[in-house]
Amino acid sequence: MTTKERAKLRSIAMTMQPTTHIGKNGVSEEVLVQIEEQLQAHELIKINVLKNCDFTAKELAAELAESAGAEVVQVLGNKITMYKVSTKEGVKHLLEI
């Protein structure tokens, strides 16, 4: 991902609300499935890591991106922004390939 593409995705993510919350139970199989479904539907998602989680957002970002096959756009505070090109029909692509 180029810096221009990353900047565009970061600007889009500024107005987004987190769609997934990770709390004291950490990353479960259900959370991973939910993240994958959201990436297919929207391409760009924001994840909130709650304060009662045992891990920081930076620690979880690489693990989540690897398991979902996505790229981390940014980690800011306790929020993770991730991007993955959707293969689903009818999804508007944020970055033209």
PDB file of N, CA and C in Angstrom:
ATOM      1  N   MET A   1       0.852  -1.167   0.000  1.00  0.00           N
ATOM      2  CA  MET A   1       0.000   0.000   0.000  1.00  0.00           C
ATOM      3  C   MET A   1       0.904   1.237   0.000  1.00  0.00           C
ATOM      4  N   THR A   2       0.606   2.166  -0.884  1.00  0.00           N
ATOM      5  CA  THR A   2       1.410   3.377  -0.956  1.00  0.00           C
ATOM      6  C   THR A   2       0.990   4.365   0.129  1.00  0.00           C
ATOM      7  N   THR A   3       1.817   5.372   0.338  1.00  0.00           N
ATOM      8  CA  THR A   3       1.500   6.369   1.360  1.00  0.00           C
ATOM      9  C   THR A   3       0.271   7.192   0.975  1.00  0.00           C
ATOM     10  N   LYS A   4       0.066   7.418  -0.322  1.00  0.00           N
ATOM     11  CA  LYS A   4      -1.127   8.153  -0.760  1.00  0.00           C
ATOM     12  C   LYS A   4      -2.389   7.344  -0.494  1.00  0.00           C
ATOM     13  N   GLU A   5      -2.325   6.053  -0.767  1.00  0.00           N
ATOM     14  CA  GLU A   5      -3.479   5.191  -0.507  1.00  0.00           C
ATOM     15  C   GLU A   5      -3.764   5.133   0.992  1.00  0.00           C
ATOM     16  N   ARG A   6      -2.710   5.006   1.789  1.00  0.00           N
ATOM     17  CA  ARG A   6      -2.874   4.972   3.245  1.00  0.00           C
ATOM     18  C   ARG A   6      -3.482   6.279   3.747  1.00  0.00           C
ATOM     19  N   ALA A   7      -3.036   7.406   3.203  1.00  0.00           N
ATOM     20  CA  ALA A   7      -3.566   8.709   3.613  1.00  0.00           C
ATOM     21  C   ALA A   7      -5.049   8.828   3.255  1.00  0.00           C
ATOM     22  N   LYS A   8      -5.423   8.331   2.075  1.00  0.00           N
ATOM     23  CA  LYS A   8      -6.833   8.377   1.676  1.00  0.00           C
ATOM     24  C   LYS A   8      -7.691   7.532   2.615  1.00  0.00           C
ATOM     25  N   LEU A   9      -7.224   6.340   2.943  1.00  0.00           N
ATOM     26  CA  LEU A   9      -7.975   5.467   3.839  1.00  0.00           C
ATOM     27  C   LEU A   9      -8.061   6.056   5.243  1.00  0.00           C
ATOM     28  N   ARG A  10      -6.991   6.679   5.699  1.00  0.00           N
ATOM     29  CA  ARG A  10      -7.015   7.309   7.017  1.00  0.00           C
ATOM     30  C   ARG A  10      -8.025   8.446   7.055  1.00  0.00           C
ATOM     31  N   SER A  11      -8.115   9.220   5.969  1.00  0.00           N
ATOM     32  CA  SER A  11      -9.074  10.332   5.936  1.00  0.00           C
ATOM     33  C   SER A  11     -10.514   9.811   5.935  1.00  0.00           C
ATOM     34  N   ILE A  12     -10.758   8.710   5.247  1.00  0.00           N
ATOM     35  CA  ILE A  12     -12.096   8.104   5.252  1.00  0.00           C
ATOM     36  C   ILE A  12     -12.429   7.576   6.643  1.00  0.00           C
ATOM     37  N   ALA A  13     -11.445   6.969   7.298  1.00  0.00           N
ATOM     38  CA  ALA A  13     -11.663   6.353   8.613  1.00  0.00           C
ATOM     39  C   ALA A  13     -11.894   7.378   9.714  1.00  0.00           C
ATOM     40  N   MET A  14     -11.495   8.622   9.503  1.00  0.00           N
ATOM     41  CA  MET A  14     -11.656   9.645  10.541  1.00  0.00           C
ATOM     42  C   MET A  14     -13.105   9.804  10.986  1.00  0.00           C
ATOM     43  N   THR A  15     -14.049   9.655  10.069  1.00  0.00           N
ATOM     44  CA  THR A  15     -15.459   9.861  10.390  1.00  0.00           C
ATOM     45  C   THR A  15     -16.174   8.566  10.781  1.00  0.00           C
ATOM     46  N   MET A  16     -15.477   7.443  10.701  1.00  0.00           N
ATOM     47  CA  MET A  16     -16.092   6.153  11.003  1.00  0.00           C
ATOM     48  C   MET A  16     -16.157   5.894  12.505  1.00  0.00           C
ATOM     49  N   GLN A  17     -17.163   5.152  12.893  1.00  0.00           N
ATOM     50  CA  GLN A  17     -17.274   4.669  14.263  1.00  0.00           C
ATOM     51  C   GLN A  17     -16.753   3.225  14.294  1.00  0.00           C
ATOM     52  N   PRO A  18     -16.177   2.783  15.416  1.00  0.00           N
ATOM     53  CA  PRO A  18     -15.722   1.391  15.503  1.00  0.00           C
ATOM     54  C   PRO A  18     -16.892   0.419  15.336  1.00  0.00           C
ATOM     55  N   THR A  19     -16.649  -0.637  14.571  1.00  0.00           N
ATOM     56  CA  THR A  19     -17.689  -1.626  14.328  1.00  0.00           C
ATOM     57  C   THR A  19     -17.499  -2.873  15.175  1.00  0.00           C
ATOM     58  N   THR A  20     -16.304  -3.060  15.706  1.00  0.00           N
ATOM     59  CA  THR A  20     -15.995  -4.225  16.536  1.00  0.00           C
ATOM     60  C   THR A  20     -15.300  -3.751  17.798  1.00  0.00           C
ATOM     61  N   HIS A  21     -15.619  -4.394  18.908  1.00  0.00           N
ATOM     62  CA  HIS A  21     -14.994  -4.061  20.178  1.00  0.00           C
ATOM     63  C   HIS A  21     -14.344  -5.325  20.734  1.00  0.00           C
ATOM     64  N   ILE A  22     -13.106  -5.196  21.181  1.00  0.00           N
ATOM     65  CA  ILE A  22     -12.396  -6.317  21.772  1.00  0.00           C
ATOM     66  C   ILE A  22     -12.177  -5.992  23.242  1.00  0.00           C
ATOM     67  N   GLY A  23     -12.682  -6.857  24.115  1.00  0.00           N
ATOM     68  CA  GLY A  23     -12.631  -6.593  25.550  1.00  0.00           C
ATOM     69  C   GLY A  23     -11.801  -7.605  26.305  1.00  0.00           C
ATOM     70  N   LYS A  24     -12.227  -7.910  27.514  1.00  0.00           N
ATOM     71  CA  LYS A  24     -11.443  -8.757  28.403  1.00  0.00           C
ATOM     72  C   LYS A  24     -11.294 -10.189  27.902  1.00  0.00           C
ATOM     73  N   ASN A  25     -12.191 -10.640  27.044  1.00  0.00           N
ATOM     74  CA  ASN A  25     -12.082 -11.997  26.502  1.00  0.00           C
ATOM     75  C   ASN A  25     -11.055 -12.096  25.385  1.00  0.00           C
ATOM     76  N   GLY A  26     -10.566 -10.964  24.916  1.00  0.00           N
ATOM     77  CA  GLY A  26      -9.543 -10.964  23.867  1.00  0.00           C
ATOM     78  C   GLY A  26     -10.100 -11.332  22.511  1.00  0.00           C
ATOM     79  N   VAL A  27      -9.254 -11.910  21.691  1.00  0.00           N
ATOM     80  CA  VAL A  27      -9.629 -12.262  20.325  1.00  0.00           C
ATOM     81  C   VAL A  27     -10.118 -13.706  20.309  1.00  0.00           C
ATOM     82  N   SER A  28     -11.395 -13.872  20.041  1.00  0.00           N
ATOM     83  CA  SER A  28     -11.979 -15.209  19.952  1.00  0.00           C
ATOM     84  C   SER A  28     -12.270 -15.530  18.486  1.00  0.00           C
ATOM     85  N   GLU A  29     -12.668 -16.740  18.237  1.00  0.00           N
ATOM     86  CA  GLU A  29     -13.000 -17.159  16.872  1.00  0.00           C
ATOM     87  C   GLU A  29     -14.172 -16.338  16.326  1.00  0.00           C
ATOM     88  N   GLU A  30     -15.135 -16.013  17.182  1.00  0.00           N
ATOM     89  CA  GLU A  30     -16.286 -15.218  16.761  1.00  0.00           C
ATOM     90  C   GLU A  30     -15.868 -13.815  16.322  1.00  0.00           C
ATOM     91  N   VAL A  31     -14.911 -13.241  17.037  1.00  0.00           N
ATOM     92  CA  VAL A  31     -14.418 -11.907  16.685  1.00  0.00           C
ATOM     93  C   VAL A  31     -13.724 -11.946  15.331  1.00  0.00           C
ATOM     94  N   LEU A  32     -12.920 -12.982  15.097  1.00  0.00           N
ATOM     95  CA  LEU A  32     -12.227 -13.107  13.809  1.00  0.00           C
ATOM     96  C   LEU A  32     -13.202 -13.261  12.650  1.00  0.00           C
ATOM     97  N   VAL A  33     -14.264 -14.049  12.859  1.00  0.00           N
ATOM     98  CA  VAL A  33     -15.288 -14.224  11.817  1.00  0.00           C
ATOM     99  C   VAL A  33     -16.002 -12.904  11.565  1.00  0.00           C
ATOM    100  N   GLN A  34     -16.329 -12.179  12.621  1.00  0.00           N
ATOM    101  CA  GLN A  34     -17.003 -10.890  12.488  1.00  0.00           C
ATOM    102  C   GLN A  34     -16.131  -9.897  11.721  1.00  0.00           C
ATOM    103  N   ILE A  35     -14.856  -9.853  12.023  1.00  0.00           N
ATOM    104  CA  ILE A  35     -13.941  -8.939  11.325  1.00  0.00           C
ATOM    105  C   ILE A  35     -13.862  -9.289   9.848  1.00  0.00           C
ATOM    106  N   GLU A  36     -13.749 -10.573   9.528  1.00  0.00           N
ATOM    107  CA  GLU A  36     -13.672 -10.996   8.127  1.00  0.00           C
ATOM    108  C   GLU A  36     -14.953 -10.621   7.373  1.00  0.00           C
ATOM    109  N   GLU A  37     -16.119 -10.825   7.981  1.00  0.00           N
ATOM    110  CA  GLU A  37     -17.384 -10.468   7.338  1.00  0.00           C
ATOM    111  C   GLU A  37     -17.482  -8.962   7.100  1.00  0.00           C
ATOM    112  N   GLN A  38     -17.052  -8.173   8.075  1.00  0.00           N
ATOM    113  CA  GLN A  38     -17.104  -6.721   7.926  1.00  0.00           C
ATOM    114  C   GLN A  38     -16.139  -6.231   6.855  1.00  0.00           C
ATOM    115  N   LEU A  39     -14.964  -6.836   6.770  1.00  0.00           N
ATOM    116  CA  LEU A  39     -14.012  -6.454   5.722  1.00  0.00           C
ATOM    117  C   LEU A  39     -14.565  -6.766   4.338  1.00  0.00           C
ATOM    118  N   GLN A  40     -15.258  -7.890   4.194  1.00  0.00           N
ATOM    119  CA  GLN A  40     -15.849  -8.235   2.905  1.00  0.00           C
ATOM    120  C   GLN A  40     -16.981  -7.280   2.543  1.00  0.00           C
ATOM    121  N   ALA A  41     -17.711  -6.806   3.531  1.00  0.00           N
ATOM    122  CA  ALA A  41     -18.854  -5.926   3.274  1.00  0.00           C
ATOM    123  C   ALA A  41     -18.449  -4.468   3.078  1.00  0.00           C
ATOM    124  N   HIS A  42     -17.397  -4.016   3.767  1.00  0.00           N
ATOM    125  CA  HIS A  42     -17.075  -2.589   3.763  1.00  0.00           C
ATOM    126  C   HIS A  42     -15.657  -2.233   3.325  1.00  0.00           C
ATOM    127  N   GLU A  43     -14.750  -3.194   3.276  1.00  0.00           N
ATOM    128  CA  GLU A  43     -13.338  -3.019   2.938  1.00  0.00           C
ATOM    129  C   GLU A  43     -12.530  -2.301   4.012  1.00  0.00           C
ATOM    130  N   LEU A  44     -13.089  -1.299   4.661  1.00  0.00           N
ATOM    131  CA  LEU A  44     -12.373  -0.527   5.678  1.00  0.00           C
ATOM    132  C   LEU A  44     -13.166  -0.583   6.973  1.00  0.00           C
ATOM    133  N   ILE A  45     -12.516  -1.044   8.047  1.00  0.00           N
ATOM    134  CA  ILE A  45     -13.204  -1.135   9.334  1.00  0.00           C
ATOM    135  C   ILE A  45     -12.334  -0.543  10.429  1.00  0.00           C
ATOM    136  N   LYS A  46     -12.993  -0.193  11.508  1.00  0.00           N
ATOM    137  CA  LYS A  46     -12.309   0.336  12.682  1.00  0.00           C
ATOM    138  C   LYS A  46     -12.669  -0.555  13.870  1.00  0.00           C
ATOM    139  N   ILE A  47     -11.639  -0.923  14.633  1.00  0.00           N
ATOM    140  CA  ILE A  47     -11.796  -1.814  15.778  1.00  0.00           C
ATOM    141  C   ILE A  47     -11.388  -1.069  17.037  1.00  0.00           C
ATOM    142  N   ASN A  48     -12.194  -1.182  18.074  1.00  0.00           N
ATOM    143  CA  ASN A  48     -11.904  -0.536  19.348  1.00  0.00           C
ATOM    144  C   ASN A  48     -11.417  -1.595  20.339  1.00  0.00           C
ATOM    145  N   VAL A  49     -10.239  -1.368  20.924  1.00  0.00           N
ATOM    146  CA  VAL A  49      -9.717  -2.259  21.954  1.00  0.00           C
ATOM    147  C   VAL A  49     -10.028  -1.605  23.295  1.00  0.00           C
ATOM    148  N   LEU A  50     -10.880  -2.264  24.065  1.00  0.00           N
ATOM    149  CA  LEU A  50     -11.324  -1.700  25.336  1.00  0.00           C
ATOM    150  C   LEU A  50     -10.201  -1.721  26.372  1.00  0.00           C
ATOM    151  N   LYS A  51     -10.341  -0.878  27.375  1.00  0.00           N
ATOM    152  CA  LYS A  51      -9.299  -0.751  28.397  1.00  0.00           C
ATOM    153  C   LYS A  51      -9.137  -1.991  29.250  1.00  0.00           C
ATOM    154  N   ASN A  52     -10.178  -2.815  29.352  1.00  0.00           N
ATOM    155  CA  ASN A  52     -10.073  -4.023  30.168  1.00  0.00           C
ATOM    156  C   ASN A  52      -9.465  -5.203  29.415  1.00  0.00           C
ATOM    157  N   CYS A  53      -9.019  -4.986  28.190  1.00  0.00           N
ATOM    158  CA  CYS A  53      -8.359  -6.030  27.416  1.00  0.00           C
ATOM    159  C   CYS A  53      -6.926  -6.201  27.923  1.00  0.00           C
ATOM    160  N   ASP A  54      -6.435  -7.435  27.906  1.00  0.00           N
ATOM    161  CA  ASP A  54      -5.088  -7.727  28.391  1.00  0.00           C
ATOM    162  C   ASP A  54      -3.991  -7.276  27.426  1.00  0.00           C
ATOM    163  N   PHE A  55      -4.352  -6.959  26.182  1.00  0.00           N
ATOM    164  CA  PHE A  55      -3.381  -6.578  25.163  1.00  0.00           C
ATOM    165  C   PHE A  55      -3.631  -5.152  24.696  1.00  0.00           C
ATOM    166  N   THR A  56      -2.615  -4.521  24.166  1.00  0.00           N
ATOM    167  CA  THR A  56      -2.770  -3.177  23.605  1.00  0.00           C
ATOM    168  C   THR A  56      -3.200  -3.297  22.146  1.00  0.00           C
ATOM    169  N   ALA A  57      -3.647  -2.197  21.586  1.00  0.00           N
ATOM    170  CA  ALA A  57      -4.072  -2.183  20.190  1.00  0.00           C
ATOM    171  C   ALA A  57      -2.896  -2.512  19.268  1.00  0.00           C
ATOM    172  N   LYS A  58      -1.714  -2.013  19.579  1.00  0.00           N
ATOM    173  CA  LYS A  58      -0.536  -2.301  18.752  1.00  0.00           C
ATOM    174  C   LYS A  58      -0.207  -3.788  18.751  1.00  0.00           C
ATOM    175  N   GLU A  59      -0.368  -4.430  19.896  1.00  0.00           N
ATOM    176  CA  GLU A  59      -0.082  -5.862  19.984  1.00  0.00           C
ATOM    177  C   GLU A  59      -1.096  -6.681  19.176  1.00  0.00           C
ATOM    178  N   LEU A  60      -2.350  -6.258  19.172  1.00  0.00           N
ATOM    179  CA  LEU A  60      -3.398  -7.006  18.479  1.00  0.00           C
ATOM    180  C   LEU A  60      -3.442  -6.738  16.978  1.00  0.00           C
ATOM    181  N   ALA A  61      -2.985  -5.575  16.543  1.00  0.00           N
ATOM    182  CA  ALA A  61      -3.137  -5.165  15.143  1.00  0.00           C
ATOM    183  C   ALA A  61      -2.511  -6.163  14.173  1.00  0.00           C
ATOM    184  N   ALA A  62      -1.270  -6.546  14.406  1.00  0.00           N
ATOM    185  CA  ALA A  62      -0.597  -7.468  13.492  1.00  0.00           C
ATOM    186  C   ALA A  62      -1.258  -8.839  13.486  1.00  0.00           C
ATOM    187  N   GLU A  63      -1.666  -9.310  14.662  1.00  0.00           N
ATOM    188  CA  GLU A  63      -2.324 -10.611  14.765  1.00  0.00           C
ATOM    189  C   GLU A  63      -3.647 -10.622  14.000  1.00  0.00           C
ATOM    190  N   LEU A  64      -4.446  -9.576  14.185  1.00  0.00           N
ATOM    191  CA  LEU A  64      -5.745  -9.503  13.496  1.00  0.00           C
ATOM    192  C   LEU A  64      -5.574  -9.379  11.987  1.00  0.00           C
ATOM    193  N   ALA A  65      -4.632  -8.551  11.560  1.00  0.00           N
ATOM    194  CA  ALA A  65      -4.405  -8.367  10.127  1.00  0.00           C
ATOM    195  C   ALA A  65      -3.944  -9.659   9.467  1.00  0.00           C
ATOM    196  N   GLU A  66      -3.063 -10.374  10.132  1.00  0.00           N
ATOM    197  CA  GLU A  66      -2.572 -11.631   9.579  1.00  0.00           C
ATOM    198  C   GLU A  66      -3.675 -12.668   9.473  1.00  0.00           C
ATOM    199  N   SER A  67      -4.492 -12.786  10.500  1.00  0.00           N
ATOM    200  CA  SER A  67      -5.561 -13.788  10.485  1.00  0.00           C
ATOM    201  C   SER A  67      -6.658 -13.447   9.480  1.00  0.00           C
ATOM    202  N   ALA A  68      -6.880 -12.155   9.219  1.00  0.00           N
ATOM    203  CA  ALA A  68      -7.920 -11.745   8.264  1.00  0.00           C
ATOM    204  C   ALA A  68      -7.363 -11.540   6.860  1.00  0.00           C
ATOM    205  N   GLY A  69      -6.059 -11.558   6.698  1.00  0.00           N
ATOM    206  CA  GLY A  69      -5.459 -11.304   5.392  1.00  0.00           C
ATOM    207  C   GLY A  69      -5.610  -9.857   4.975  1.00  0.00           C
ATOM    208  N   ALA A  70      -5.609  -8.957   5.953  1.00  0.00           N
ATOM    209  CA  ALA A  70      -5.816  -7.530   5.700  1.00  0.00           C
ATOM    210  C   ALA A  70      -4.545  -6.748   6.002  1.00  0.00           C
ATOM    211  N   GLU A  71      -4.607  -5.447   5.743  1.00  0.00           N
ATOM    212  CA  GLU A  71      -3.501  -4.555   6.055  1.00  0.00           C
ATOM    213  C   GLU A  71      -3.930  -3.581   7.143  1.00  0.00           C
ATOM    214  N   VAL A  72      -3.017  -3.301   8.045  1.00  0.00           N
ATOM    215  CA  VAL A  72      -3.279  -2.308   9.079  1.00  0.00           C
ATOM    216  C   VAL A  72      -3.029  -0.934   8.468  1.00  0.00           C
ATOM    217  N   VAL A  73      -4.048  -0.088   8.479  1.00  0.00           N
ATOM    218  CA  VAL A  73      -3.906   1.272   7.971  1.00  0.00           C
ATOM    219  C   VAL A  73      -3.253   2.141   9.033  1.00  0.00           C
ATOM    220  N   GLN A  74      -3.774   2.048  10.257  1.00  0.00           N
ATOM    221  CA  GLN A  74      -3.182   2.790  11.362  1.00  0.00           C
ATOM    222  C   GLN A  74      -3.663   2.239  12.690  1.00  0.00           C
ATOM    223  N   VAL A  75      -2.841   2.480  13.699  1.00  0.00           N
ATOM    224  CA  VAL A  75      -3.216   2.206  15.087  1.00  0.00           C
ATOM    225  C   VAL A  75      -3.078   3.530  15.801  1.00  0.00           C
ATOM    226  N   LEU A  76      -4.186   4.034  16.303  1.00  0.00           N
ATOM    227  CA  LEU A  76      -4.199   5.338  16.956  1.00  0.00           C
ATOM    228  C   LEU A  76      -4.864   5.186  18.314  1.00  0.00           C
ATOM    229  N   GLY A  77      -4.058   5.277  19.366  1.00  0.00           N
ATOM    230  CA  GLY A  77      -4.596   5.083  20.714  1.00  0.00           C
ATOM    231  C   GLY A  77      -5.049   3.654  20.895  1.00  0.00           C
ATOM    232  N   ASN A  78      -6.335   3.471  21.156  1.00  0.00           N
ATOM    233  CA  ASN A  78      -6.881   2.123  21.325  1.00  0.00           C
ATOM    234  C   ASN A  78      -7.745   1.706  20.132  1.00  0.00           C
ATOM    235  N   LYS A  79      -7.557   2.346  18.987  1.00  0.00           N
ATOM    236  CA  LYS A  79      -8.330   2.042  17.780  1.00  0.00           C
ATOM    237  C   LYS A  79      -7.410   1.492  16.684  1.00  0.00           C
ATOM    238  N   ILE A  80      -7.890   0.470  16.006  1.00  0.00           N
ATOM    239  CA  ILE A  80      -7.174  -0.146  14.891  1.00  0.00           C
ATOM    240  C   ILE A  80      -8.018   0.052  13.643  1.00  0.00           C
ATOM    241  N   THR A  81      -7.404   0.526  12.572  1.00  0.00           N
ATOM    242  CA  THR A  81      -8.088   0.655  11.294  1.00  0.00           C
ATOM    243  C   THR A  81      -7.456  -0.339  10.325  1.00  0.00           C
ATOM    244  N   MET A  82      -8.304  -1.176   9.704  1.00  0.00           N
ATOM    245  CA  MET A  82      -7.819  -2.212   8.798  1.00  0.00           C
ATOM    246  C   MET A  82      -8.511  -2.118   7.445  1.00  0.00           C
ATOM    247  N   TYR A  83      -7.780  -2.544   6.390  1.00  0.00           N
ATOM    248  CA  TYR A  83      -8.296  -2.504   5.026  1.00  0.00           C
ATOM    249  C   TYR A  83      -8.018  -3.822   4.329  1.00  0.00           C
ATOM    250  N   LYS A  84      -9.000  -4.262   3.563  1.00  0.00           N
ATOM    251  CA  LYS A  84      -8.835  -5.442   2.714  1.00  0.00           C
ATOM    252  C   LYS A  84      -9.747  -5.277   1.502  1.00  0.00           C
ATOM    253  N   VAL A  85      -9.236  -5.545   0.321  1.00  0.00           N
ATOM    254  CA  VAL A  85     -10.036  -5.452  -0.896  1.00  0.00           C
ATOM    255  C   VAL A  85     -11.105  -6.538  -0.856  1.00  0.00           C
ATOM    256  N   SER A  86     -12.336  -6.145  -1.065  1.00  0.00           N
ATOM    257  CA  SER A  86     -13.457  -7.073  -1.006  1.00  0.00           C
ATOM    258  C   SER A  86     -13.632  -7.808  -2.326  1.00  0.00           C
ATOM    259  N   THR A  87     -13.979  -9.076  -2.236  1.00  0.00           N
ATOM    260  CA  THR A  87     -14.279  -9.865  -3.421  1.00  0.00           C
ATOM    261  C   THR A  87     -15.782 -10.049  -3.592  1.00  0.00           C
ATOM    262  N   LYS A  88     -16.543  -9.437  -2.705  1.00  0.00           N
ATOM    263  CA  LYS A  88     -17.997  -9.558  -2.703  1.00  0.00           C
ATOM    264  C   LYS A  88     -18.592  -8.696  -3.818  1.00  0.00           C
ATOM    265  N   GLU A  89     -19.637  -9.211  -4.466  1.00  0.00           N
ATOM    266  CA  GLU A  89     -20.324  -8.478  -5.531  1.00  0.00           C
ATOM    267  C   GLU A  89     -21.035  -7.246  -4.983  1.00  0.00           C
ATOM    268  N   GLY A  90     -20.959  -6.137  -5.710  1.00  0.00           N
ATOM    269  CA  GLY A  90     -21.709  -4.947  -5.362  1.00  0.00           C
ATOM    270  C   GLY A  90     -21.059  -4.050  -4.333  1.00  0.00           C
ATOM    271  N   VAL A  91     -19.857  -4.372  -3.884  1.00  0.00           N
ATOM    272  CA  VAL A  91     -19.172  -3.535  -2.898  1.00  0.00           C
ATOM    273  C   VAL A  91     -18.377  -2.453  -3.636  1.00  0.00           C
ATOM    274  N   LYS A  92     -18.587  -1.212  -3.217  1.00  0.00           N
ATOM    275  CA  LYS A  92     -17.856  -0.100  -3.831  1.00  0.00           C
ATOM    276  C   LYS A  92     -16.407  -0.124  -3.317  1.00  0.00           C
ATOM    277  N   HIS A  93     -15.457  -0.191  -4.244  1.00  0.00           N
ATOM    278  CA  HIS A  93     -14.047  -0.273  -3.860  1.00  0.00           C
ATOM    279  C   HIS A  93     -13.537   1.113  -3.490  1.00  0.00           C
ATOM    280  N   LEU A  94     -12.880   1.193  -2.336  1.00  0.00           N
ATOM    281  CA  LEU A  94     -12.350   2.469  -1.865  1.00  0.00           C
ATOM    282  C   LEU A  94     -11.105   2.884  -2.625  1.00  0.00           C
ATOM    283  N   LEU A  95     -10.284   1.918  -2.985  1.00  0.00           N
ATOM    284  CA  LEU A  95      -9.098   2.183  -3.773  1.00  0.00           C
ATOM    285  C   LEU A  95      -9.237   1.418  -5.074  1.00  0.00           C
ATOM    286  N   GLU A  96      -9.154   2.128  -6.175  1.00  0.00           N
ATOM    287  CA  GLU A  96      -9.266   1.460  -7.475  1.00  0.00           C
ATOM    288  C   GLU A  96      -7.969   0.728  -7.769  1.00  0.00           C
ATOM    289  N   ILE A  97      -8.101  -0.503  -8.179  1.00  0.00           N
ATOM    290  CA  ILE A  97      -6.926  -1.340  -8.432  1.00  0.00           C
ATOM    291  C   ILE A  97      -6.342  -1.059  -9.790  1.00  0.00           C
TER     292      ILE A  97
END
